[in-house]
């Protein structure tokens, strides 16, 4: 379980550090998307302008942390049950 948690933290850490790379002045910017290029996302701009994007981020992080804590607690309970089961098998 802790290996999975460590891998998950590594993935989050590496993806959090990725920044959008901008072309230098004088160079053409190339897009590799097959979808239509729409740079105006009204919902995201509105959330950023009103400062509500931080609320969305906090809620998502809270849910993620709660899920991780739940998985750790569940792993501990399963580990205790496995140990109890092994002890019962040894006694028989």
PDB file of N, CA and C in Angstrom:
ATOM      1  N   UNK A   1       0.824  -1.193   0.000  1.00  0.00           N
ATOM      2  CA  UNK A   1       0.000   0.000   0.000  1.00  0.00           C
ATOM      3  C   UNK A   1       0.868   1.257   0.000  1.00  0.00           C
ATOM      4  N   UNK A   2       1.953   1.197   0.788  1.00  0.00           N
ATOM      5  CA  UNK A   2       2.802   2.376   0.851  1.00  0.00           C
ATOM      6  C   UNK A   2       3.567   2.594  -0.449  1.00  0.00           C
ATOM      7  N   UNK A   3       3.847   1.500  -1.182  1.00  0.00           N
ATOM      8  CA  UNK A   3       4.463   1.658  -2.494  1.00  0.00           C
ATOM      9  C   UNK A   3       3.527   2.377  -3.447  1.00  0.00           C
ATOM     10  N   UNK A   4       2.253   2.001  -3.400  1.00  0.00           N
ATOM     11  CA  UNK A   4       1.258   2.641  -4.265  1.00  0.00           C
ATOM     12  C   UNK A   4       1.129   4.110  -3.903  1.00  0.00           C
ATOM     13  N   UNK A   5       1.112   4.408  -2.610  1.00  0.00           N
ATOM     14  CA  UNK A   5       1.019   5.798  -2.160  1.00  0.00           C
ATOM     15  C   UNK A   5       2.248   6.597  -2.592  1.00  0.00           C
ATOM     16  N   UNK A   6       3.427   5.996  -2.498  1.00  0.00           N
ATOM     17  CA  UNK A   6       4.647   6.682  -2.912  1.00  0.00           C
ATOM     18  C   UNK A   6       4.644   6.947  -4.418  1.00  0.00           C
ATOM     19  N   UNK A   7       4.190   5.976  -5.188  1.00  0.00           N
ATOM     20  CA  UNK A   7       4.115   6.169  -6.644  1.00  0.00           C
ATOM     21  C   UNK A   7       3.116   7.269  -6.978  1.00  0.00           C
ATOM     22  N   UNK A   8       1.975   7.268  -6.287  1.00  0.00           N
ATOM     23  CA  UNK A   8       0.954   8.290  -6.521  1.00  0.00           C
ATOM     24  C   UNK A   8       1.503   9.684  -6.199  1.00  0.00           C
ATOM     25  N   UNK A   9       2.213   9.818  -5.083  1.00  0.00           N
ATOM     26  CA  UNK A   9       2.804  11.110  -4.713  1.00  0.00           C
ATOM     27  C   UNK A   9       3.846  11.540  -5.739  1.00  0.00           C
ATOM     28  N   UNK A  10       4.632  10.594  -6.243  1.00  0.00           N
ATOM     29  CA  UNK A  10       5.620  10.914  -7.267  1.00  0.00           C
ATOM     30  C   UNK A  10       4.955  11.430  -8.532  1.00  0.00           C
ATOM     31  N   UNK A  11       3.878  10.761  -8.948  1.00  0.00           N
ATOM     32  CA  UNK A  11       3.165  11.189 -10.155  1.00  0.00           C
ATOM     33  C   UNK A  11       2.576  12.574  -9.965  1.00  0.00           C
ATOM     34  N   UNK A  12       1.960  12.820  -8.810  1.00  0.00           N
ATOM     35  CA  UNK A  12       1.395  14.148  -8.548  1.00  0.00           C
ATOM     36  C   UNK A  12       2.480  15.208  -8.516  1.00  0.00           C
ATOM     37  N   UNK A  13       3.612  14.877  -7.918  1.00  0.00           N
ATOM     38  CA  UNK A  13       4.708  15.843  -7.839  1.00  0.00           C
ATOM     39  C   UNK A  13       5.283  16.191  -9.189  1.00  0.00           C
ATOM     40  N   UNK A  14       5.409  15.195 -10.053  1.00  0.00           N
ATOM     41  CA  UNK A  14       5.982  15.476 -11.366  1.00  0.00           C
ATOM     42  C   UNK A  14       4.996  16.210 -12.268  1.00  0.00           C
ATOM     43  N   UNK A  15       3.713  15.890 -12.153  1.00  0.00           N
ATOM     44  CA  UNK A  15       2.750  16.579 -13.008  1.00  0.00           C
ATOM     45  C   UNK A  15       2.465  17.989 -12.507  1.00  0.00           C
ATOM     46  N   UNK A  16       2.657  18.236 -11.210  1.00  0.00           N
ATOM     47  CA  UNK A  16       2.432  19.583 -10.687  1.00  0.00           C
ATOM     48  C   UNK A  16       3.513  20.537 -11.165  1.00  0.00           C
ATOM     49  N   UNK A  17       4.697  20.022 -11.471  1.00  0.00           N
ATOM     50  CA  UNK A  17       5.800  20.869 -11.901  1.00  0.00           C
ATOM     51  C   UNK A  17       5.802  21.173 -13.382  1.00  0.00           C
ATOM     52  N   UNK A  18       4.928  20.551 -14.135  1.00  0.00           N
ATOM     53  CA  UNK A  18       4.883  20.789 -15.580  1.00  0.00           C
ATOM     54  C   UNK A  18       4.244  22.143 -15.853  1.00  0.00           C
ATOM     55  N   UNK A  19       4.927  22.948 -16.617  1.00  0.00           N
ATOM     56  CA  UNK A  19       4.407  24.257 -16.981  1.00  0.00           C
ATOM     57  C   UNK A  19       4.227  24.307 -18.493  1.00  0.00           C
ATOM     58  N   UNK A  20       3.331  25.174 -18.902  1.00  0.00           N
ATOM     59  CA  UNK A  20       3.105  25.321 -20.337  1.00  0.00           C
ATOM     60  C   UNK A  20       4.288  26.063 -20.939  1.00  0.00           C
ATOM     61  N   UNK A  21       4.864  25.507 -21.973  1.00  0.00           N
ATOM     62  CA  UNK A  21       6.024  26.095 -22.610  1.00  0.00           C
ATOM     63  C   UNK A  21       5.539  27.045 -23.701  1.00  0.00           C
ATOM     64  N   UNK A  22       6.020  28.259 -23.672  1.00  0.00           N
ATOM     65  CA  UNK A  22       5.647  29.260 -24.659  1.00  0.00           C
ATOM     66  C   UNK A  22       6.777  29.407 -25.679  1.00  0.00           C
ATOM     67  N   UNK A  23       6.408  29.693 -26.901  1.00  0.00           N
ATOM     68  CA  UNK A  23       7.399  29.916 -27.943  1.00  0.00           C
ATOM     69  C   UNK A  23       8.098  31.244 -27.696  1.00  0.00           C
ATOM     70  N   UNK A  24       9.334  31.329 -28.120  1.00  0.00           N
ATOM     71  CA  UNK A  24      10.078  32.571 -27.976  1.00  0.00           C
ATOM     72  C   UNK A  24       9.532  33.593 -28.969  1.00  0.00           C
ATOM     73  N   UNK A  25       9.707  34.870 -28.661  1.00  0.00           N
ATOM     74  CA  UNK A  25       9.228  35.890 -29.608  1.00  0.00           C
ATOM     75  C   UNK A  25       9.880  35.697 -30.979  1.00  0.00           C
ATOM     76  N   UNK A  26       9.075  35.781 -31.988  1.00  0.00           N
ATOM     77  CA  UNK A  26       9.573  35.627 -33.351  1.00  0.00           C
ATOM     78  C   UNK A  26       9.411  34.218 -33.882  1.00  0.00           C
ATOM     79  N   UNK A  27       9.060  33.278 -33.022  1.00  0.00           N
ATOM     80  CA  UNK A  27       8.849  31.910 -33.477  1.00  0.00           C
ATOM     81  C   UNK A  27       7.356  31.643 -33.591  1.00  0.00           C
ATOM     82  N   UNK A  28       7.005  30.792 -34.521  1.00  0.00           N
ATOM     83  CA  UNK A  28       5.603  30.424 -34.680  1.00  0.00           C
ATOM     84  C   UNK A  28       5.237  29.397 -33.613  1.00  0.00           C
ATOM     85  N   UNK A  29       4.036  29.531 -33.081  1.00  0.00           N
ATOM     86  CA  UNK A  29       3.565  28.576 -32.083  1.00  0.00           C
ATOM     87  C   UNK A  29       2.798  27.468 -32.794  1.00  0.00           C
ATOM     88  N   UNK A  30       3.152  26.227 -32.529  1.00  0.00           N
ATOM     89  CA  UNK A  30       2.562  25.082 -33.201  1.00  0.00           C
ATOM     90  C   UNK A  30       1.676  24.346 -32.210  1.00  0.00           C
ATOM     91  N   UNK A  31       0.443  24.041 -32.628  1.00  0.00           N
ATOM     92  CA  UNK A  31      -0.465  23.260 -31.798  1.00  0.00           C
ATOM     93  C   UNK A  31      -0.616  21.887 -32.415  1.00  0.00           C
ATOM     94  N   UNK A  32      -0.591  20.856 -31.562  1.00  0.00           N
ATOM     95  CA  UNK A  32      -0.673  19.487 -32.034  1.00  0.00           C
ATOM     96  C   UNK A  32      -2.016  18.851 -31.740  1.00  0.00           C
ATOM     97  N   UNK A  33      -2.983  19.634 -31.413  1.00  0.00           N
ATOM     98  CA  UNK A  33      -4.292  19.105 -31.067  1.00  0.00           C
ATOM     99  C   UNK A  33      -5.144  18.943 -32.318  1.00  0.00           C
ATOM    100  N   UNK A  34      -5.894  17.832 -32.370  1.00  0.00           N
ATOM    101  CA  UNK A  34      -6.787  17.628 -33.498  1.00  0.00           C
ATOM    102  C   UNK A  34      -8.137  18.294 -33.257  1.00  0.00           C
ATOM    103  N   UNK A  35      -8.396  18.677 -31.996  1.00  0.00           N
ATOM    104  CA  UNK A  35      -9.641  19.356 -31.659  1.00  0.00           C
ATOM    105  C   UNK A  35      -9.540  20.817 -32.088  1.00  0.00           C
ATOM    106  N   UNK A  36     -10.674  21.465 -32.299  1.00  0.00           N
ATOM    107  CA  UNK A  36     -10.632  22.881 -32.661  1.00  0.00           C
ATOM    108  C   UNK A  36      -9.990  23.697 -31.543  1.00  0.00           C
ATOM    109  N   UNK A  37      -9.124  24.613 -31.933  1.00  0.00           N
ATOM    110  CA  UNK A  37      -8.387  25.419 -30.959  1.00  0.00           C
ATOM    111  C   UNK A  37      -9.287  26.537 -30.447  1.00  0.00           C
ATOM    112  N   UNK A  38      -9.738  26.383 -29.220  1.00  0.00           N
ATOM    113  CA  UNK A  38     -10.560  27.414 -28.589  1.00  0.00           C
ATOM    114  C   UNK A  38      -9.838  27.844 -27.333  1.00  0.00           C
ATOM    115  N   UNK A  39      -9.273  29.047 -27.346  1.00  0.00           N
ATOM    116  CA  UNK A  39      -8.468  29.501 -26.215  1.00  0.00           C
ATOM    117  C   UNK A  39      -9.310  30.187 -25.156  1.00  0.00           C
ATOM    118  N   UNK A  40     -10.530  30.587 -25.478  1.00  0.00           N
ATOM    119  CA  UNK A  40     -11.388  31.264 -24.518  1.00  0.00           C
ATOM    120  C   UNK A  40     -12.305  30.246 -23.839  1.00  0.00           C
ATOM    121  N   UNK A  41     -11.940  29.867 -22.633  1.00  0.00           N
ATOM    122  CA  UNK A  41     -12.778  28.982 -21.835  1.00  0.00           C
ATOM    123  C   UNK A  41     -13.437  29.866 -20.790  1.00  0.00           C
ATOM    124  N   UNK A  42     -14.697  30.180 -21.023  1.00  0.00           N
ATOM    125  CA  UNK A  42     -15.379  31.166 -20.194  1.00  0.00           C
ATOM    126  C   UNK A  42     -15.481  30.733 -18.734  1.00  0.00           C
ATOM    127  N   UNK A  43     -15.782  29.459 -18.504  1.00  0.00           N
ATOM    128  CA  UNK A  43     -15.959  29.000 -17.138  1.00  0.00           C
ATOM    129  C   UNK A  43     -14.661  29.143 -16.341  1.00  0.00           C
ATOM    130  N   UNK A  44     -13.540  28.719 -16.920  1.00  0.00           N
ATOM    131  CA  UNK A  44     -12.260  28.808 -16.220  1.00  0.00           C
ATOM    132  C   UNK A  44     -11.869  30.266 -15.994  1.00  0.00           C
ATOM    133  N   UNK A  45     -12.089  31.106 -16.990  1.00  0.00           N
ATOM    134  CA  UNK A  45     -11.760  32.525 -16.827  1.00  0.00           C
ATOM    135  C   UNK A  45     -12.615  33.166 -15.741  1.00  0.00           C
ATOM    136  N   UNK A  46     -13.889  32.810 -15.713  1.00  0.00           N
ATOM    137  CA  UNK A  46     -14.787  33.368 -14.694  1.00  0.00           C
ATOM    138  C   UNK A  46     -14.381  32.904 -13.305  1.00  0.00           C
ATOM    139  N   UNK A  47     -14.051  31.618 -13.167  1.00  0.00           N
ATOM    140  CA  UNK A  47     -13.628  31.103 -11.866  1.00  0.00           C
ATOM    141  C   UNK A  47     -12.339  31.769 -11.398  1.00  0.00           C
ATOM    142  N   UNK A  48     -11.403  31.974 -12.313  1.00  0.00           N
ATOM    143  CA  UNK A  48     -10.151  32.644 -11.941  1.00  0.00           C
ATOM    144  C   UNK A  48     -10.396  34.095 -11.559  1.00  0.00           C
ATOM    145  N   UNK A  49     -11.219  34.769 -12.332  1.00  0.00           N
ATOM    146  CA  UNK A  49     -11.477  36.179 -12.078  1.00  0.00           C
ATOM    147  C   UNK A  49     -12.169  36.381 -10.733  1.00  0.00           C
ATOM    148  N   UNK A  50     -13.117  35.486 -10.399  1.00  0.00           N
ATOM    149  CA  UNK A  50     -13.851  35.623  -9.143  1.00  0.00           C
ATOM    150  C   UNK A  50     -13.106  35.020  -7.959  1.00  0.00           C
ATOM    151  N   UNK A  51     -12.000  34.340  -8.206  1.00  0.00           N
ATOM    152  CA  UNK A  51     -11.236  33.725  -7.134  1.00  0.00           C
ATOM    153  C   UNK A  51     -11.829  32.410  -6.656  1.00  0.00           C
ATOM    154  N   UNK A  52     -12.786  31.873  -7.376  1.00  0.00           N
ATOM    155  CA  UNK A  52     -13.442  30.630  -6.962  1.00  0.00           C
ATOM    156  C   UNK A  52     -12.663  29.394  -7.407  1.00  0.00           C
ATOM    157  N   UNK A  53     -11.669  29.572  -8.261  1.00  0.00           N
ATOM    158  CA  UNK A  53     -10.881  28.426  -8.708  1.00  0.00           C
ATOM    159  C   UNK A  53     -10.154  27.805  -7.526  1.00  0.00           C
ATOM    160  N   UNK A  54      -9.803  28.630  -6.545  1.00  0.00           N
ATOM    161  CA  UNK A  54      -9.115  28.121  -5.357  1.00  0.00           C
ATOM    162  C   UNK A  54     -10.051  27.246  -4.525  1.00  0.00           C
ATOM    163  N   UNK A  55     -11.324  27.583  -4.504  1.00  0.00           N
ATOM    164  CA  UNK A  55     -12.304  26.757  -3.799  1.00  0.00           C
ATOM    165  C   UNK A  55     -12.402  25.385  -4.471  1.00  0.00           C
ATOM    166  N   UNK A  56     -12.409  25.364  -5.780  1.00  0.00           N
ATOM    167  CA  UNK A  56     -12.473  24.109  -6.522  1.00  0.00           C
ATOM    168  C   UNK A  56     -11.237  23.264  -6.226  1.00  0.00           C
ATOM    169  N   UNK A  57     -10.066  23.890  -6.223  1.00  0.00           N
ATOM    170  CA  UNK A  57      -8.823  23.166  -5.954  1.00  0.00           C
ATOM    171  C   UNK A  57      -8.831  22.610  -4.535  1.00  0.00           C
ATOM    172  N   UNK A  58      -9.276  23.402  -3.563  1.00  0.00           N
ATOM    173  CA  UNK A  58      -9.312  22.944  -2.173  1.00  0.00           C
ATOM    174  C   UNK A  58     -10.279  21.769  -2.016  1.00  0.00           C
ATOM    175  N   UNK A  59     -11.425  21.837  -2.644  1.00  0.00           N
ATOM    176  CA  UNK A  59     -12.392  20.749  -2.550  1.00  0.00           C
ATOM    177  C   UNK A  59     -11.819  19.475  -3.168  1.00  0.00           C
ATOM    178  N   UNK A  60     -11.202  19.590  -4.331  1.00  0.00           N
ATOM    179  CA  UNK A  60     -10.609  18.416  -4.976  1.00  0.00           C
ATOM    180  C   UNK A  60      -9.489  17.814  -4.127  1.00  0.00           C
ATOM    181  N   UNK A  61      -8.640  18.668  -3.559  1.00  0.00           N
ATOM    182  CA  UNK A  61      -7.568  18.167  -2.701  1.00  0.00           C
ATOM    183  C   UNK A  61      -8.123  17.507  -1.448  1.00  0.00           C
ATOM    184  N   UNK A  62      -9.196  18.068  -0.881  1.00  0.00           N
ATOM    185  CA  UNK A  62      -9.812  17.479   0.308  1.00  0.00           C
ATOM    186  C   UNK A  62     -10.363  16.093   0.001  1.00  0.00           C
ATOM    187  N   UNK A  63     -11.024  15.957  -1.126  1.00  0.00           N
ATOM    188  CA  UNK A  63     -11.562  14.654  -1.521  1.00  0.00           C
ATOM    189  C   UNK A  63     -10.425  13.665  -1.750  1.00  0.00           C
ATOM    190  N   UNK A  64      -9.361  14.095  -2.405  1.00  0.00           N
ATOM    191  CA  UNK A  64      -8.227  13.224  -2.680  1.00  0.00           C
ATOM    192  C   UNK A  64      -7.545  12.779  -1.386  1.00  0.00           C
ATOM    193  N   UNK A  65      -7.318  13.709  -0.468  1.00  0.00           N
ATOM    194  CA  UNK A  65      -6.690  13.368   0.809  1.00  0.00           C
ATOM    195  C   UNK A  65      -7.594  12.428   1.609  1.00  0.00           C
ATOM    196  N   UNK A  66      -8.899  12.680   1.612  1.00  0.00           N
ATOM    197  CA  UNK A  66      -9.830  11.795   2.302  1.00  0.00           C
ATOM    198  C   UNK A  66      -9.813  10.398   1.729  1.00  0.00           C
ATOM    199  N   UNK A  67      -9.731  10.287   0.427  1.00  0.00           N
ATOM    200  CA  UNK A  67      -9.678   8.979  -0.233  1.00  0.00           C
ATOM    201  C   UNK A  67      -8.392   8.240   0.127  1.00  0.00           C
ATOM    202  N   UNK A  68      -7.288   8.953   0.155  1.00  0.00           N
ATOM    203  CA  UNK A  68      -6.007   8.331   0.515  1.00  0.00           C
ATOM    204  C   UNK A  68      -6.025   7.860   1.962  1.00  0.00           C
ATOM    205  N   UNK A  69      -6.557   8.671   2.865  1.00  0.00           N
ATOM    206  CA  UNK A  69      -6.654   8.279   4.274  1.00  0.00           C
ATOM    207  C   UNK A  69      -7.553   7.057   4.420  1.00  0.00           C
ATOM    208  N   UNK A  70      -8.665   7.044   3.713  1.00  0.00           N
ATOM    209  CA  UNK A  70      -9.571   5.893   3.760  1.00  0.00           C
ATOM    210  C   UNK A  70      -8.865   4.625   3.283  1.00  0.00           C
ATOM    211  N   UNK A  71      -8.105   4.725   2.196  1.00  0.00           N
ATOM    212  CA  UNK A  71      -7.402   3.557   1.673  1.00  0.00           C
ATOM    213  C   UNK A  71      -6.338   3.055   2.642  1.00  0.00           C
ATOM    214  N   UNK A  72      -5.650   3.957   3.310  1.00  0.00           N
ATOM    215  CA  UNK A  72      -4.648   3.557   4.289  1.00  0.00           C
ATOM    216  C   UNK A  72      -5.309   2.847   5.468  1.00  0.00           C
ATOM    217  N   UNK A  73      -6.420   3.392   5.958  1.00  0.00           N
ATOM    218  CA  UNK A  73      -7.127   2.753   7.069  1.00  0.00           C
ATOM    219  C   UNK A  73      -7.650   1.377   6.656  1.00  0.00           C
ATOM    220  N   UNK A  74      -8.173   1.272   5.453  1.00  0.00           N
ATOM    221  CA  UNK A  74      -8.675  -0.003   4.953  1.00  0.00           C
ATOM    222  C   UNK A  74      -7.546  -1.023   4.822  1.00  0.00           C
ATOM    223  N   UNK A  75      -6.389  -0.567   4.368  1.00  0.00           N
ATOM    224  CA  UNK A  75      -5.236  -1.452   4.242  1.00  0.00           C
ATOM    225  C   UNK A  75      -4.802  -1.974   5.606  1.00  0.00           C
ATOM    226  N   UNK A  76      -4.815  -1.134   6.614  1.00  0.00           N
ATOM    227  CA  UNK A  76      -4.459  -1.569   7.965  1.00  0.00           C
ATOM    228  C   UNK A  76      -5.450  -2.603   8.489  1.00  0.00           C
ATOM    229  N   UNK A  77      -6.732  -2.376   8.275  1.00  0.00           N
ATOM    230  CA  UNK A  77      -7.749  -3.332   8.731  1.00  0.00           C
ATOM    231  C   UNK A  77      -7.586  -4.680   8.035  1.00  0.00           C
ATOM    232  N   UNK A  78      -7.345  -4.664   6.753  1.00  0.00           N
ATOM    233  CA  UNK A  78      -7.153  -5.905   6.006  1.00  0.00           C
ATOM    234  C   UNK A  78      -5.886  -6.607   6.491  1.00  0.00           C
ATOM    235  N   UNK A  79      -4.843  -5.838   6.767  1.00  0.00           N
ATOM    236  CA  UNK A  79      -3.612  -6.429   7.292  1.00  0.00           C
ATOM    237  C   UNK A  79      -3.833  -7.115   8.627  1.00  0.00           C
ATOM    238  N   UNK A  80      -4.613  -6.485   9.516  1.00  0.00           N
ATOM    239  CA  UNK A  80      -4.919  -7.105  10.811  1.00  0.00           C
ATOM    240  C   UNK A  80      -5.721  -8.385  10.625  1.00  0.00           C
ATOM    241  N   UNK A  81      -6.689  -8.373   9.724  1.00  0.00           N
ATOM    242  CA  UNK A  81      -7.486  -9.568   9.460  1.00  0.00           C
ATOM    243  C   UNK A  81      -6.629 -10.691   8.870  1.00  0.00           C
ATOM    244  N   UNK A  82      -5.700 -10.347   7.977  1.00  0.00           N
ATOM    245  CA  UNK A  82      -4.812 -11.353   7.406  1.00  0.00           C
ATOM    246  C   UNK A  82      -3.937 -11.970   8.487  1.00  0.00           C
ATOM    247  N   UNK A  83      -3.400 -11.126   9.366  1.00  0.00           N
ATOM    248  CA  UNK A  83      -2.557 -11.634  10.451  1.00  0.00           C
ATOM    249  C   UNK A  83      -3.371 -12.538  11.375  1.00  0.00           C
ATOM    250  N   UNK A  84      -4.591 -12.139  11.697  1.00  0.00           N
ATOM    251  CA  UNK A  84      -5.448 -12.941  12.561  1.00  0.00           C
ATOM    252  C   UNK A  84      -5.766 -14.279  11.890  1.00  0.00           C
ATOM    253  N   UNK A  85      -6.016 -14.252  10.607  1.00  0.00           N
ATOM    254  CA  UNK A  85      -6.316 -15.476   9.864  1.00  0.00           C
ATOM    255  C   UNK A  85      -5.114 -16.419   9.856  1.00  0.00           C
ATOM    256  N   UNK A  86      -3.912 -15.862   9.647  1.00  0.00           N
ATOM    257  CA  UNK A  86      -2.702 -16.683   9.654  1.00  0.00           C
ATOM    258  C   UNK A  86      -2.463 -17.275  11.039  1.00  0.00           C
ATOM    259  N   UNK A  87      -2.681 -16.496  12.093  1.00  0.00           N
ATOM    260  CA  UNK A  87      -2.503 -16.994  13.453  1.00  0.00           C
ATOM    261  C   UNK A  87      -3.489 -18.121  13.747  1.00  0.00           C
ATOM    262  N   UNK A  88      -4.721 -17.988  13.276  1.00  0.00           N
ATOM    263  CA  UNK A  88      -5.720 -19.026  13.480  1.00  0.00           C
ATOM    264  C   UNK A  88      -5.354 -20.305  12.740  1.00  0.00           C
ATOM    265  N   UNK A  89      -4.759 -20.178  11.563  1.00  0.00           N
ATOM    266  CA  UNK A  89      -4.333 -21.349  10.803  1.00  0.00           C
ATOM    267  C   UNK A  89      -3.173 -22.049  11.488  1.00  0.00           C
ATOM    268  N   UNK A  90      -2.263 -21.282  12.069  1.00  0.00           N
ATOM    269  CA  UNK A  90      -1.107 -21.863  12.753  1.00  0.00           C
ATOM    270  C   UNK A  90      -1.566 -22.629  14.005  1.00  0.00           C
ATOM    271  N   UNK A  91      -2.549 -22.110  14.728  1.00  0.00           N
ATOM    272  CA  UNK A  91      -3.047 -22.754  15.938  1.00  0.00           C
ATOM    273  C   UNK A  91      -3.725 -24.087  15.643  1.00  0.00           C
ATOM    274  N   UNK A  92      -4.276 -24.230  14.471  1.00  0.00           N
ATOM    275  CA  UNK A  92      -5.005 -25.468  14.128  1.00  0.00           C
ATOM    276  C   UNK A  92      -4.091 -26.527  13.708  1.00  0.00           C
TER     277      UNK A  92
END
